[in-house]
């Protein structure tokens, strides 16, 4: 049995506590929207099925790949910073930013196509939920990307190390929340019938 201080240290919440409250509030908000969506879907199943059939499942799957890949990059970045390798951590953060940018561009094209087709919040119940959920999520990805960009910039200046990880861990927690939300949104909106 090891007697090192590391094994005796109590577990701690990674990142900033205030951000965890924000994450909790965001998850609650999306959770309520998911429940409302599920309830509305049971009342208008045929409408929801018909509208879902027009969605590009492969675009949704590609967006899932971008976000999950971004999460992997963020986890690698925090691990690198924990190991006092700011240069590698910054590279992983930039890779995560590239994944975020790919998601935002892909989703922008998908949303633009819907708006060009005349679809808006008033088209029907499905499109109201689809736009509300995906645009709200899109904004969260954009905020997470800004957060990661700031952390990458500071990482390039040596601001983080094994004892200075609060901000990178907070950014990682927010990014993982955004990823988790999409992992629920994608099957809910694109796949489940």
C-alpha atoms as a PDB file:
ATOM      1  CA  UNK A   1       0.000   0.000   0.000  1.00  0.00           C
ATOM      2  CA  UNK A   2       1.445   3.335  -1.067  1.00  0.00           C
ATOM      3  CA  UNK A   3       1.818   6.065   1.513  1.00  0.00           C
ATOM      4  CA  UNK A   4       2.420   8.909  -0.928  1.00  0.00           C
ATOM      5  CA  UNK A   5       0.577  12.185  -0.369  1.00  0.00           C
ATOM      6  CA  UNK A   6      -1.034  11.806  -3.784  1.00  0.00           C
ATOM      7  CA  UNK A   7      -2.859   8.601  -2.838  1.00  0.00           C
ATOM      8  CA  UNK A   8      -3.964  10.094   0.488  1.00  0.00           C
ATOM      9  CA  UNK A   9      -5.285  13.327  -1.006  1.00  0.00           C
ATOM     10  CA  UNK A  10      -9.070  13.452  -1.057  1.00  0.00           C
ATOM     11  CA  UNK A  11     -10.725  13.603  -4.477  1.00  0.00           C
ATOM     12  CA  UNK A  12     -11.518  17.091  -5.677  1.00  0.00           C
ATOM     13  CA  UNK A  13     -13.878  18.614  -8.177  1.00  0.00           C
ATOM     14  CA  UNK A  14     -11.855  19.576 -11.232  1.00  0.00           C
ATOM     15  CA  UNK A  15     -12.240  23.160 -12.412  1.00  0.00           C
ATOM     16  CA  UNK A  16     -14.058  26.111 -10.950  1.00  0.00           C
ATOM     17  CA  UNK A  17     -17.061  25.504  -8.675  1.00  0.00           C
ATOM     18  CA  UNK A  18     -18.993  28.451 -10.179  1.00  0.00           C
ATOM     19  CA  UNK A  19     -18.628  26.914 -13.629  1.00  0.00           C
ATOM     20  CA  UNK A  20     -20.003  23.637 -12.292  1.00  0.00           C
ATOM     21  CA  UNK A  21     -23.115  25.537 -11.198  1.00  0.00           C
ATOM     22  CA  UNK A  22     -23.385  26.942 -14.733  1.00  0.00           C
ATOM     23  CA  UNK A  23     -22.969  23.438 -16.164  1.00  0.00           C
ATOM     24  CA  UNK A  24     -25.666  22.142 -13.821  1.00  0.00           C
ATOM     25  CA  UNK A  25     -28.042  24.927 -14.861  1.00  0.00           C
ATOM     26  CA  UNK A  26     -27.336  24.261 -18.553  1.00  0.00           C
ATOM     27  CA  UNK A  27     -27.915  20.535 -18.164  1.00  0.00           C
ATOM     28  CA  UNK A  28     -31.166  21.220 -16.323  1.00  0.00           C
ATOM     29  CA  UNK A  29     -32.304  23.613 -19.064  1.00  0.00           C
ATOM     30  CA  UNK A  30     -31.517  21.156 -21.838  1.00  0.00           C
ATOM     31  CA  UNK A  31     -33.042  18.330 -19.796  1.00  0.00           C
ATOM     32  CA  UNK A  32     -36.323  20.213 -19.551  1.00  0.00           C
ATOM     33  CA  UNK A  33     -36.236  20.883 -23.291  1.00  0.00           C
ATOM     34  CA  UNK A  34     -35.583  17.168 -23.934  1.00  0.00           C
ATOM     35  CA  UNK A  35     -38.593  16.223 -21.802  1.00  0.00           C
ATOM     36  CA  UNK A  36     -40.774  18.809 -23.572  1.00  0.00           C
ATOM     37  CA  UNK A  37     -39.584  17.472 -26.934  1.00  0.00           C
ATOM     38  CA  UNK A  38     -40.391  13.866 -25.932  1.00  0.00           C
ATOM     39  CA  UNK A  39     -43.839  14.889 -24.715  1.00  0.00           C
ATOM     40  CA  UNK A  40     -44.574  16.842 -27.918  1.00  0.00           C
ATOM     41  CA  UNK A  41     -43.333  13.932 -30.008  1.00  0.00           C
ATOM     42  CA  UNK A  42     -45.835  11.552 -28.403  1.00  0.00           C
ATOM     43  CA  UNK A  43     -48.639  13.951 -29.332  1.00  0.00           C
ATOM     44  CA  UNK A  44     -47.569  14.459 -32.976  1.00  0.00           C
ATOM     45  CA  UNK A  45     -45.684  11.295 -33.891  1.00  0.00           C
ATOM     46  CA  UNK A  46     -46.456  11.359 -37.631  1.00  0.00           C
ATOM     47  CA  UNK A  47     -45.383  15.001 -37.966  1.00  0.00           C
ATOM     48  CA  UNK A  48     -42.134  14.375 -36.081  1.00  0.00           C
ATOM     49  CA  UNK A  49     -41.377  11.228 -38.124  1.00  0.00           C
ATOM     50  CA  UNK A  50     -41.962  13.057 -41.413  1.00  0.00           C
ATOM     51  CA  UNK A  51     -39.778  16.014 -40.432  1.00  0.00           C
ATOM     52  CA  UNK A  52     -37.015  13.801 -39.028  1.00  0.00           C
ATOM     53  CA  UNK A  53     -36.920  11.880 -42.310  1.00  0.00           C
ATOM     54  CA  UNK A  54     -35.733  15.086 -44.032  1.00  0.00           C
ATOM     55  CA  UNK A  55     -32.701  15.466 -41.781  1.00  0.00           C
ATOM     56  CA  UNK A  56     -29.253  14.423 -42.998  1.00  0.00           C
ATOM     57  CA  UNK A  57     -28.270  11.701 -40.537  1.00  0.00           C
ATOM     58  CA  UNK A  58     -24.750  11.516 -41.985  1.00  0.00           C
ATOM     59  CA  UNK A  59     -24.235  15.248 -41.272  1.00  0.00           C
ATOM     60  CA  UNK A  60     -25.414  14.687 -37.697  1.00  0.00           C
ATOM     61  CA  UNK A  61     -23.079  11.684 -37.371  1.00  0.00           C
ATOM     62  CA  UNK A  62     -20.161  13.716 -38.746  1.00  0.00           C
ATOM     63  CA  UNK A  63     -20.912  16.439 -36.211  1.00  0.00           C
ATOM     64  CA  UNK A  64     -20.830  13.775 -33.508  1.00  0.00           C
ATOM     65  CA  UNK A  65     -17.381  12.717 -34.708  1.00  0.00           C
ATOM     66  CA  UNK A  66     -16.167  16.350 -34.570  1.00  0.00           C
ATOM     67  CA  UNK A  67     -17.381  16.865 -31.017  1.00  0.00           C
ATOM     68  CA  UNK A  68     -16.189  13.521 -29.652  1.00  0.00           C
ATOM     69  CA  UNK A  69     -12.812  14.087 -31.335  1.00  0.00           C
ATOM     70  CA  UNK A  70     -12.713  17.534 -29.764  1.00  0.00           C
ATOM     71  CA  UNK A  71     -13.351  15.988 -26.351  1.00  0.00           C
ATOM     72  CA  UNK A  72     -10.508  13.557 -26.856  1.00  0.00           C
ATOM     73  CA  UNK A  73      -8.204  16.449 -27.808  1.00  0.00           C
ATOM     74  CA  UNK A  74      -9.292  18.467 -24.762  1.00  0.00           C
ATOM     75  CA  UNK A  75      -8.634  15.503 -22.466  1.00  0.00           C
ATOM     76  CA  UNK A  76      -5.168  15.078 -24.035  1.00  0.00           C
ATOM     77  CA  UNK A  77      -4.517  18.809 -23.578  1.00  0.00           C
ATOM     78  CA  UNK A  78      -5.321  18.723 -19.862  1.00  0.00           C
ATOM     79  CA  UNK A  79      -3.228  15.612 -19.447  1.00  0.00           C
ATOM     80  CA  UNK A  80      -0.301  17.316 -21.205  1.00  0.00           C
ATOM     81  CA  UNK A  81      -0.651  20.424 -19.044  1.00  0.00           C
ATOM     82  CA  UNK A  82      -0.820  18.217 -15.963  1.00  0.00           C
ATOM     83  CA  UNK A  83       2.479  16.710 -17.096  1.00  0.00           C
ATOM     84  CA  UNK A  84       3.939  20.234 -17.414  1.00  0.00           C
ATOM     85  CA  UNK A  85       4.089  20.055 -21.216  1.00  0.00           C
ATOM     86  CA  UNK A  86       2.472  23.370 -22.179  1.00  0.00           C
ATOM     87  CA  UNK A  87       3.596  23.142 -25.787  1.00  0.00           C
ATOM     88  CA  UNK A  88       1.880  19.797 -26.335  1.00  0.00           C
ATOM     89  CA  UNK A  89      -1.132  20.956 -24.318  1.00  0.00           C
ATOM     90  CA  UNK A  90      -1.485  23.987 -26.579  1.00  0.00           C
ATOM     91  CA  UNK A  91      -1.296  21.802 -29.696  1.00  0.00           C
ATOM     92  CA  UNK A  92      -4.069  19.558 -28.351  1.00  0.00           C
ATOM     93  CA  UNK A  93      -6.167  22.632 -27.554  1.00  0.00           C
ATOM     94  CA  UNK A  94      -5.667  23.910 -31.106  1.00  0.00           C
ATOM     95  CA  UNK A  95      -6.730  20.500 -32.423  1.00  0.00           C
ATOM     96  CA  UNK A  96      -9.880  20.726 -30.278  1.00  0.00           C
ATOM     97  CA  UNK A  97     -10.495  24.206 -31.700  1.00  0.00           C
ATOM     98  CA  UNK A  98     -10.216  22.781 -35.210  1.00  0.00           C
ATOM     99  CA  UNK A  99     -12.870  20.191 -34.295  1.00  0.00           C
ATOM    100  CA  UNK A 100     -15.089  22.952 -32.879  1.00  0.00           C
ATOM    101  CA  UNK A 101     -14.648  25.012 -36.056  1.00  0.00           C
ATOM    102  CA  UNK A 102     -15.502  21.993 -38.213  1.00  0.00           C
ATOM    103  CA  UNK A 103     -18.660  21.403 -36.176  1.00  0.00           C
ATOM    104  CA  UNK A 104     -19.675  25.068 -36.369  1.00  0.00           C
ATOM    105  CA  UNK A 105     -19.125  25.213 -40.142  1.00  0.00           C
ATOM    106  CA  UNK A 106     -20.979  21.953 -40.745  1.00  0.00           C
ATOM    107  CA  UNK A 107     -23.883  22.935 -38.512  1.00  0.00           C
ATOM    108  CA  UNK A 108     -24.009  26.433 -40.052  1.00  0.00           C
ATOM    109  CA  UNK A 109     -24.399  24.890 -43.510  1.00  0.00           C
ATOM    110  CA  UNK A 110     -27.122  22.553 -42.245  1.00  0.00           C
ATOM    111  CA  UNK A 111     -29.013  25.385 -40.531  1.00  0.00           C
ATOM    112  CA  UNK A 112     -28.611  27.698 -43.537  1.00  0.00           C
ATOM    113  CA  UNK A 113     -30.164  25.020 -45.766  1.00  0.00           C
ATOM    114  CA  UNK A 114     -33.157  24.787 -43.418  1.00  0.00           C
ATOM    115  CA  UNK A 115     -33.605  28.568 -43.322  1.00  0.00           C
ATOM    116  CA  UNK A 116     -33.244  28.768 -47.135  1.00  0.00           C
ATOM    117  CA  UNK A 117     -36.008  26.157 -47.407  1.00  0.00           C
ATOM    118  CA  UNK A 118     -38.273  28.491 -45.423  1.00  0.00           C
ATOM    119  CA  UNK A 119     -38.113  26.524 -42.197  1.00  0.00           C
ATOM    120  CA  UNK A 120     -38.292  28.584 -39.022  1.00  0.00           C
ATOM    121  CA  UNK A 121     -39.583  28.347 -35.453  1.00  0.00           C
ATOM    122  CA  UNK A 122     -43.183  28.728 -36.655  1.00  0.00           C
ATOM    123  CA  UNK A 123     -43.120  25.995 -39.333  1.00  0.00           C
ATOM    124  CA  UNK A 124     -44.349  23.271 -36.969  1.00  0.00           C
ATOM    125  CA  UNK A 125     -43.655  21.781 -33.559  1.00  0.00           C
ATOM    126  CA  UNK A 126     -40.783  19.573 -34.699  1.00  0.00           C
ATOM    127  CA  UNK A 127     -38.924  22.413 -36.410  1.00  0.00           C
ATOM    128  CA  UNK A 128     -39.491  24.665 -33.419  1.00  0.00           C
ATOM    129  CA  UNK A 129     -37.772  22.122 -31.164  1.00  0.00           C
ATOM    130  CA  UNK A 130     -35.118  21.254 -33.731  1.00  0.00           C
ATOM    131  CA  UNK A 131     -34.093  24.886 -34.237  1.00  0.00           C
ATOM    132  CA  UNK A 132     -34.372  25.793 -30.584  1.00  0.00           C
ATOM    133  CA  UNK A 133     -32.244  22.854 -29.448  1.00  0.00           C
ATOM    134  CA  UNK A 134     -29.641  22.918 -32.217  1.00  0.00           C
ATOM    135  CA  UNK A 135     -29.155  26.693 -32.306  1.00  0.00           C
ATOM    136  CA  UNK A 136     -28.923  26.806 -28.500  1.00  0.00           C
ATOM    137  CA  UNK A 137     -26.371  23.997 -28.647  1.00  0.00           C
ATOM    138  CA  UNK A 138     -24.510  25.749 -31.506  1.00  0.00           C
ATOM    139  CA  UNK A 139     -24.128  28.827 -29.294  1.00  0.00           C
ATOM    140  CA  UNK A 140     -22.723  26.646 -26.514  1.00  0.00           C
ATOM    141  CA  UNK A 141     -20.151  25.170 -28.902  1.00  0.00           C
ATOM    142  CA  UNK A 142     -19.156  28.699 -29.946  1.00  0.00           C
ATOM    143  CA  UNK A 143     -18.729  29.748 -26.298  1.00  0.00           C
ATOM    144  CA  UNK A 144     -16.716  26.588 -25.572  1.00  0.00           C
ATOM    145  CA  UNK A 145     -14.499  27.333 -28.576  1.00  0.00           C
ATOM    146  CA  UNK A 146     -13.793  30.839 -27.294  1.00  0.00           C
ATOM    147  CA  UNK A 147     -13.018  29.392 -23.865  1.00  0.00           C
ATOM    148  CA  UNK A 148     -10.599  26.872 -25.424  1.00  0.00           C
ATOM    149  CA  UNK A 149      -8.976  29.593 -27.550  1.00  0.00           C
ATOM    150  CA  UNK A 150      -8.291  31.702 -24.461  1.00  0.00           C
ATOM    151  CA  UNK A 151      -6.827  28.694 -22.644  1.00  0.00           C
ATOM    152  CA  UNK A 152      -4.683  27.823 -25.695  1.00  0.00           C
ATOM    153  CA  UNK A 153      -3.392  31.394 -25.850  1.00  0.00           C
ATOM    154  CA  UNK A 154      -2.442  31.338 -22.166  1.00  0.00           C
ATOM    155  CA  UNK A 155      -0.961  27.851 -22.488  1.00  0.00           C
ATOM    156  CA  UNK A 156       1.331  29.201 -25.184  1.00  0.00           C
ATOM    157  CA  UNK A 157       2.600  31.719 -22.641  1.00  0.00           C
ATOM    158  CA  UNK A 158       3.303  29.096 -19.992  1.00  0.00           C
ATOM    159  CA  UNK A 159       0.412  30.040 -17.718  1.00  0.00           C
ATOM    160  CA  UNK A 160      -0.462  26.447 -16.802  1.00  0.00           C
ATOM    161  CA  UNK A 161       1.293  23.565 -15.160  1.00  0.00           C
ATOM    162  CA  UNK A 162       0.637  20.703 -12.747  1.00  0.00           C
ATOM    163  CA  UNK A 163      -0.356  23.076  -9.918  1.00  0.00           C
ATOM    164  CA  UNK A 164      -2.148  25.626 -12.144  1.00  0.00           C
ATOM    165  CA  UNK A 165      -4.880  23.714 -13.940  1.00  0.00           C
ATOM    166  CA  UNK A 166      -8.115  25.301 -12.700  1.00  0.00           C
ATOM    167  CA  UNK A 167      -8.850  27.219 -15.907  1.00  0.00           C
ATOM    168  CA  UNK A 168      -7.954  24.416 -18.347  1.00  0.00           C
ATOM    169  CA  UNK A 169      -9.972  21.941 -16.271  1.00  0.00           C
ATOM    170  CA  UNK A 170     -12.920  24.355 -16.245  1.00  0.00           C
ATOM    171  CA  UNK A 171     -12.716  24.762 -20.022  1.00  0.00           C
ATOM    172  CA  UNK A 172     -12.517  20.985 -20.391  1.00  0.00           C
ATOM    173  CA  UNK A 173     -15.580  20.470 -18.185  1.00  0.00           C
ATOM    174  CA  UNK A 174     -17.586  22.973 -20.238  1.00  0.00           C
ATOM    175  CA  UNK A 175     -16.465  21.374 -23.507  1.00  0.00           C
ATOM    176  CA  UNK A 176     -17.375  17.890 -22.268  1.00  0.00           C
ATOM    177  CA  UNK A 177     -20.827  19.180 -21.276  1.00  0.00           C
ATOM    178  CA  UNK A 178     -21.326  20.495 -24.821  1.00  0.00           C
ATOM    179  CA  UNK A 179     -20.230  17.136 -26.209  1.00  0.00           C
ATOM    180  CA  UNK A 180     -22.536  15.236 -23.834  1.00  0.00           C
ATOM    181  CA  UNK A 181     -25.487  17.384 -24.877  1.00  0.00           C
ATOM    182  CA  UNK A 182     -24.868  16.595 -28.552  1.00  0.00           C
ATOM    183  CA  UNK A 183     -24.600  12.880 -27.757  1.00  0.00           C
ATOM    184  CA  UNK A 184     -28.189  13.157 -26.493  1.00  0.00           C
ATOM    185  CA  UNK A 185     -29.360  15.607 -29.185  1.00  0.00           C
ATOM    186  CA  UNK A 186     -28.125  13.613 -32.166  1.00  0.00           C
ATOM    187  CA  UNK A 187     -30.127  10.414 -31.545  1.00  0.00           C
ATOM    188  CA  UNK A 188     -33.082  12.353 -30.140  1.00  0.00           C
ATOM    189  CA  UNK A 189     -33.467  14.596 -33.196  1.00  0.00           C
ATOM    190  CA  UNK A 190     -31.948  12.554 -36.020  1.00  0.00           C
ATOM    191  CA  UNK A 191     -32.296   8.860 -35.238  1.00  0.00           C
ATOM    192  CA  UNK A 192     -35.045   7.923 -32.756  1.00  0.00           C
ATOM    193  CA  UNK A 193     -38.425   7.292 -34.343  1.00  0.00           C
END
